[in-house]
Amino acid sequence: MTASPLRQIPFTDATGAEKTLDDLGADVMLIVNVASKCGLTPQYTQLEELQRRFGDRGFSVVGFPCNQFFGQEPGSMEQILEFCSTSYGVTFPVNDKVKVNGRSAHELYQALKQTPDAGGKAGRVEWNFEKFLVGADGSVQRFRPRQKPDDPEIVAAIERALADAER
């Protein structure tokens, strides 16, 4: 891994410990703002499939619960982790809740939101399950919430990022 300012931004994990993306030990990460009570919540299934498919190659999904979209993640961290585990068998890290938009948006999301999507649009996170693929070098690709995690475009981007990290 190369040092990248993005990968050094601190956040709080589910236990209350301060971490950075580099601390997670993965070369390539798919960062997703998640929610338990959203119409897109079934995307947890595809996210976990990606984790299982690519995890042994230096990849990790990284979840950040967010309650900014119609209160769709109201629970405590204990409730969120229990839901993820029992409902979807989630094995990837799910961290402490963050805000992704507005003045109090987490610093990590302030940085991620500068990346435009495939249509060239940067800025606000549209909804729960917006995805940011972070490469080992700190490069970022953005995928909007309705694009499913197992979409061929996302899978190909993960494979490219892993190949780049392996070089």
C-alpha atoms as a PDB file:
ATOM      1  CA  MET A   1       0.000   0.000   0.000  1.00  0.00           C
ATOM      2  CA  THR A   2       1.118   3.503  -0.722  1.00  0.00           C
ATOM      3  CA  ALA A   3       0.528   6.273   1.780  1.00  0.00           C
ATOM      4  CA  SER A   4      -2.533   8.236   0.771  1.00  0.00           C
ATOM      5  CA  PRO A   5      -4.118  11.119   2.686  1.00  0.00           C
ATOM      6  CA  LEU A   6      -7.563   9.558   2.176  1.00  0.00           C
ATOM      7  CA  ARG A   7      -6.450   6.269   3.683  1.00  0.00           C
ATOM      8  CA  GLN A   8      -5.116   8.136   6.767  1.00  0.00           C
ATOM      9  CA  ILE A   9      -8.360   9.916   7.744  1.00  0.00           C
ATOM     10  CA  PRO A  10      -9.410   8.709  11.205  1.00  0.00           C
ATOM     11  CA  PHE A  11     -12.853   7.270  11.931  1.00  0.00           C
ATOM     12  CA  THR A  12     -14.392   5.350  14.809  1.00  0.00           C
ATOM     13  CA  ASP A  13     -14.984   1.629  14.472  1.00  0.00           C
ATOM     14  CA  ALA A  14     -17.912  -0.254  16.006  1.00  0.00           C
ATOM     15  CA  THR A  15     -16.035  -0.731  19.301  1.00  0.00           C
ATOM     16  CA  GLY A  16     -15.266   2.976  19.674  1.00  0.00           C
ATOM     17  CA  ALA A  17     -11.604   2.656  18.662  1.00  0.00           C
ATOM     18  CA  GLU A  18     -10.053   5.164  16.285  1.00  0.00           C
ATOM     19  CA  LYS A  19      -8.963   3.616  12.974  1.00  0.00           C
ATOM     20  CA  THR A  20      -7.938   4.594   9.459  1.00  0.00           C
ATOM     21  CA  LEU A  21      -8.589   2.751   6.210  1.00  0.00           C
ATOM     22  CA  ASP A  22      -4.944   1.637   6.227  1.00  0.00           C
ATOM     23  CA  ASP A  23      -5.508   0.063   9.661  1.00  0.00           C
ATOM     24  CA  LEU A  24      -8.059  -2.300   8.108  1.00  0.00           C
ATOM     25  CA  GLY A  25      -5.280  -4.078   6.211  1.00  0.00           C
ATOM     26  CA  ALA A  26      -7.004  -4.274   2.834  1.00  0.00           C
ATOM     27  CA  ASP A  27      -5.404  -2.933  -0.333  1.00  0.00           C
ATOM     28  CA  VAL A  28      -8.734  -2.256  -2.057  1.00  0.00           C
ATOM     29  CA  MET A  29     -11.954  -1.235  -0.284  1.00  0.00           C
ATOM     30  CA  LEU A  30     -15.547  -0.647  -1.253  1.00  0.00           C
ATOM     31  CA  ILE A  31     -16.823   1.966   1.207  1.00  0.00           C
ATOM     32  CA  VAL A  32     -20.602   1.992   1.567  1.00  0.00           C
ATOM     33  CA  ASN A  33     -22.982   4.040   3.714  1.00  0.00           C
ATOM     34  CA  VAL A  34     -25.392   1.391   4.931  1.00  0.00           C
ATOM     35  CA  ALA A  35     -28.817   1.317   6.575  1.00  0.00           C
ATOM     36  CA  SER A  36     -30.968  -1.448   8.049  1.00  0.00           C
ATOM     37  CA  LYS A  37     -34.414  -0.106   7.160  1.00  0.00           C
ATOM     38  CA  CYS A  38     -33.977   0.965   3.536  1.00  0.00           C
ATOM     39  CA  GLY A  39     -35.397  -0.440   0.322  1.00  0.00           C
ATOM     40  CA  LEU A  40     -31.774  -0.997  -0.750  1.00  0.00           C
ATOM     41  CA  THR A  41     -30.845  -2.948   2.412  1.00  0.00           C
ATOM     42  CA  PRO A  42     -30.887  -6.275   0.488  1.00  0.00           C
ATOM     43  CA  GLN A  43     -27.650  -5.031  -1.142  1.00  0.00           C
ATOM     44  CA  TYR A  44     -25.984  -6.398   2.004  1.00  0.00           C
ATOM     45  CA  THR A  45     -26.279  -9.809   0.310  1.00  0.00           C
ATOM     46  CA  GLN A  46     -24.220  -8.748  -2.722  1.00  0.00           C
ATOM     47  CA  LEU A  47     -21.767  -6.802  -0.544  1.00  0.00           C
ATOM     48  CA  GLU A  48     -21.107  -9.922   1.516  1.00  0.00           C
ATOM     49  CA  GLU A  49     -20.724 -11.966  -1.697  1.00  0.00           C
ATOM     50  CA  LEU A  50     -18.044  -9.510  -2.866  1.00  0.00           C
ATOM     51  CA  GLN A  51     -16.326  -9.787   0.520  1.00  0.00           C
ATOM     52  CA  ARG A  52     -16.232 -13.566   0.291  1.00  0.00           C
ATOM     53  CA  ARG A  53     -15.187 -13.578  -3.367  1.00  0.00           C
ATOM     54  CA  PHE A  54     -12.321 -11.080  -3.124  1.00  0.00           C
ATOM     55  CA  GLY A  55     -11.445 -10.917   0.592  1.00  0.00           C
ATOM     56  CA  ASP A  56      -8.475 -13.261   0.339  1.00  0.00           C
ATOM     57  CA  ARG A  57      -6.961 -11.048  -2.392  1.00  0.00           C
ATOM     58  CA  GLY A  58      -6.665  -7.921  -0.230  1.00  0.00           C
ATOM     59  CA  PHE A  59     -10.192  -6.553  -0.652  1.00  0.00           C
ATOM     60  CA  SER A  60     -12.742  -5.495   1.938  1.00  0.00           C
ATOM     61  CA  VAL A  61     -16.169  -3.968   1.955  1.00  0.00           C
ATOM     62  CA  VAL A  62     -16.269  -1.269   4.653  1.00  0.00           C
ATOM     63  CA  GLY A  63     -19.672  -0.257   5.996  1.00  0.00           C
ATOM     64  CA  PHE A  64     -20.535   3.063   7.595  1.00  0.00           C
ATOM     65  CA  PRO A  65     -24.087   3.161   8.985  1.00  0.00           C
ATOM     66  CA  CYS A  66     -25.836   6.440   8.296  1.00  0.00           C
ATOM     67  CA  ASN A  67     -29.150   7.697   9.673  1.00  0.00           C
ATOM     68  CA  GLN A  68     -29.405  10.816   7.477  1.00  0.00           C
ATOM     69  CA  PHE A  69     -31.892   9.457   4.947  1.00  0.00           C
ATOM     70  CA  PHE A  70     -35.354   9.399   6.551  1.00  0.00           C
ATOM     71  CA  GLY A  71     -33.967   7.818   9.729  1.00  0.00           C
ATOM     72  CA  GLN A  72     -33.377   4.440   8.092  1.00  0.00           C
ATOM     73  CA  GLU A  73     -30.560   3.481  10.493  1.00  0.00           C
ATOM     74  CA  PRO A  74     -32.005   4.365  13.924  1.00  0.00           C
ATOM     75  CA  GLY A  75     -30.510   1.576  16.030  1.00  0.00           C
ATOM     76  CA  SER A  76     -27.568   1.450  18.386  1.00  0.00           C
ATOM     77  CA  MET A  77     -24.279  -0.015  17.145  1.00  0.00           C
ATOM     78  CA  GLU A  78     -25.102  -3.239  18.983  1.00  0.00           C
ATOM     79  CA  GLN A  79     -28.452  -3.463  17.180  1.00  0.00           C
ATOM     80  CA  ILE A  80     -26.880  -2.639  13.812  1.00  0.00           C
ATOM     81  CA  LEU A  81     -24.166  -5.284  14.197  1.00  0.00           C
ATOM     82  CA  GLU A  82     -26.718  -7.882  15.333  1.00  0.00           C
ATOM     83  CA  PHE A  83     -28.938  -7.094  12.328  1.00  0.00           C
ATOM     84  CA  CYS A  84     -26.027  -7.329   9.883  1.00  0.00           C
ATOM     85  CA  SER A  85     -24.843 -10.608  11.349  1.00  0.00           C
ATOM     86  CA  THR A  86     -28.158 -12.411  11.745  1.00  0.00           C
ATOM     87  CA  SER A  87     -29.971 -11.061   8.678  1.00  0.00           C
ATOM     88  CA  TYR A  88     -27.137 -11.059   6.137  1.00  0.00           C
ATOM     89  CA  GLY A  89     -24.180 -12.940   7.649  1.00  0.00           C
ATOM     90  CA  VAL A  90     -21.986  -9.846   7.278  1.00  0.00           C
ATOM     91  CA  THR A  91     -18.297 -10.516   7.922  1.00  0.00           C
ATOM     92  CA  PHE A  92     -16.879  -7.207   6.662  1.00  0.00           C
ATOM     93  CA  PRO A  93     -16.219  -4.317   9.056  1.00  0.00           C
ATOM     94  CA  VAL A  94     -19.201  -2.162   9.943  1.00  0.00           C
ATOM     95  CA  ASN A  95     -18.034   0.976  11.709  1.00  0.00           C
ATOM     96  CA  ASP A  96     -19.636   3.623  13.884  1.00  0.00           C
ATOM     97  CA  LYS A  97     -22.435   5.746  12.426  1.00  0.00           C
ATOM     98  CA  VAL A  98     -21.401   8.762  10.389  1.00  0.00           C
ATOM     99  CA  LYS A  99     -23.014  11.674   8.645  1.00  0.00           C
ATOM    100  CA  VAL A 100     -22.259  11.711   4.933  1.00  0.00           C
ATOM    101  CA  ASN A 101     -23.808  15.061   3.934  1.00  0.00           C
ATOM    102  CA  GLY A 102     -24.072  18.536   5.376  1.00  0.00           C
ATOM    103  CA  ARG A 103     -21.769  20.625   7.518  1.00  0.00           C
ATOM    104  CA  SER A 104     -21.158  17.813   9.971  1.00  0.00           C
ATOM    105  CA  ALA A 105     -20.340  15.202   7.317  1.00  0.00           C
ATOM    106  CA  HIS A 106     -17.499  12.962   8.403  1.00  0.00           C
ATOM    107  CA  GLU A 107     -14.104  14.006   7.046  1.00  0.00           C
ATOM    108  CA  LEU A 108     -13.795  10.715   5.140  1.00  0.00           C
ATOM    109  CA  TYR A 109     -17.037  11.416   3.300  1.00  0.00           C
ATOM    110  CA  GLN A 110     -16.067  15.035   2.707  1.00  0.00           C
ATOM    111  CA  ALA A 111     -13.064  13.672   0.817  1.00  0.00           C
ATOM    112  CA  LEU A 112     -14.914  10.832  -0.945  1.00  0.00           C
ATOM    113  CA  LYS A 113     -17.694  13.118  -2.222  1.00  0.00           C
ATOM    114  CA  GLN A 114     -15.199  15.096  -4.282  1.00  0.00           C
ATOM    115  CA  THR A 115     -15.032  12.112  -6.642  1.00  0.00           C
ATOM    116  CA  PRO A 116     -17.465  12.290  -9.568  1.00  0.00           C
ATOM    117  CA  ASP A 117     -19.568   9.318 -10.625  1.00  0.00           C
ATOM    118  CA  ALA A 118     -19.478   7.862 -14.161  1.00  0.00           C
ATOM    119  CA  GLY A 119     -21.711  10.717 -15.329  1.00  0.00           C
ATOM    120  CA  GLY A 120     -19.277  13.319 -14.003  1.00  0.00           C
ATOM    121  CA  LYS A 121     -21.368  14.354 -11.001  1.00  0.00           C
ATOM    122  CA  ALA A 122     -19.604  14.838  -7.646  1.00  0.00           C
ATOM    123  CA  GLY A 123     -21.051  16.226  -4.427  1.00  0.00           C
ATOM    124  CA  ARG A 124     -23.742  14.975  -2.085  1.00  0.00           C
ATOM    125  CA  VAL A 125     -24.297  11.316  -1.373  1.00  0.00           C
ATOM    126  CA  GLU A 126     -27.687  10.610  -2.963  1.00  0.00           C
ATOM    127  CA  TRP A 127     -28.962   7.885  -0.614  1.00  0.00           C
ATOM    128  CA  ASN A 128     -28.000   4.852   1.442  1.00  0.00           C
ATOM    129  CA  PHE A 129     -25.708   2.329  -0.252  1.00  0.00           C
ATOM    130  CA  GLU A 130     -23.655   4.776  -2.299  1.00  0.00           C
ATOM    131  CA  LYS A 131     -20.363   3.036  -3.051  1.00  0.00           C
ATOM    132  CA  PHE A 132     -16.795   4.333  -3.253  1.00  0.00           C
ATOM    133  CA  LEU A 133     -14.070   1.983  -4.471  1.00  0.00           C
ATOM    134  CA  VAL A 134     -10.743   3.007  -2.941  1.00  0.00           C
ATOM    135  CA  GLY A 135      -7.586   1.606  -4.499  1.00  0.00           C
ATOM    136  CA  ALA A 136      -4.310   0.865  -2.758  1.00  0.00           C
ATOM    137  CA  ASP A 137      -2.968   4.183  -4.067  1.00  0.00           C
ATOM    138  CA  GLY A 138      -5.948   6.135  -2.696  1.00  0.00           C
ATOM    139  CA  SER A 139      -7.662   6.478  -6.077  1.00  0.00           C
ATOM    140  CA  VAL A 140     -11.464   6.529  -5.867  1.00  0.00           C
ATOM    141  CA  GLN A 141     -14.314   5.436  -8.140  1.00  0.00           C
ATOM    142  CA  ARG A 142     -17.912   6.284  -7.263  1.00  0.00           C
ATOM    143  CA  PHE A 143     -21.036   4.205  -7.837  1.00  0.00           C
ATOM    144  CA  ARG A 144     -24.531   5.455  -7.029  1.00  0.00           C
ATOM    145  CA  PRO A 145     -26.926   3.675  -4.640  1.00  0.00           C
ATOM    146  CA  ARG A 146     -29.157   1.924  -7.168  1.00  0.00           C
ATOM    147  CA  GLN A 147     -26.173   0.303  -8.901  1.00  0.00           C
ATOM    148  CA  LYS A 148     -26.040  -3.097  -7.249  1.00  0.00           C
ATOM    149  CA  PRO A 149     -22.740  -4.234  -5.740  1.00  0.00           C
ATOM    150  CA  ASP A 150     -22.582  -7.238  -8.090  1.00  0.00           C
ATOM    151  CA  ASP A 151     -23.049  -5.068 -11.198  1.00  0.00           C
ATOM    152  CA  PRO A 152     -20.427  -6.145 -13.789  1.00  0.00           C
ATOM    153  CA  GLU A 153     -19.035  -2.590 -13.872  1.00  0.00           C
ATOM    154  CA  ILE A 154     -18.330  -2.651 -10.116  1.00  0.00           C
ATOM    155  CA  VAL A 155     -16.924  -6.191 -10.192  1.00  0.00           C
ATOM    156  CA  ALA A 156     -14.611  -5.269 -13.090  1.00  0.00           C
ATOM    157  CA  ALA A 157     -13.463  -2.137 -11.238  1.00  0.00           C
ATOM    158  CA  ILE A 158     -12.655  -4.225  -8.146  1.00  0.00           C
ATOM    159  CA  GLU A 159     -10.718  -6.723 -10.261  1.00  0.00           C
ATOM    160  CA  ARG A 160      -8.727  -3.901 -11.930  1.00  0.00           C
ATOM    161  CA  ALA A 161      -7.949  -2.270  -8.574  1.00  0.00           C
ATOM    162  CA  LEU A 162      -6.795  -5.603  -7.134  1.00  0.00           C
ATOM    163  CA  ALA A 163      -4.612  -6.280 -10.183  1.00  0.00           C
ATOM    164  CA  ASP A 164      -3.062  -2.810  -9.812  1.00  0.00           C
ATOM    165  CA  ALA A 165      -2.424  -3.466  -6.086  1.00  0.00           C
ATOM    166  CA  GLU A 166      -0.762  -6.803  -6.884  1.00  0.00           C
ATOM    167  CA  ARG A 167       1.759  -5.148  -9.214  1.00  0.00           C
END
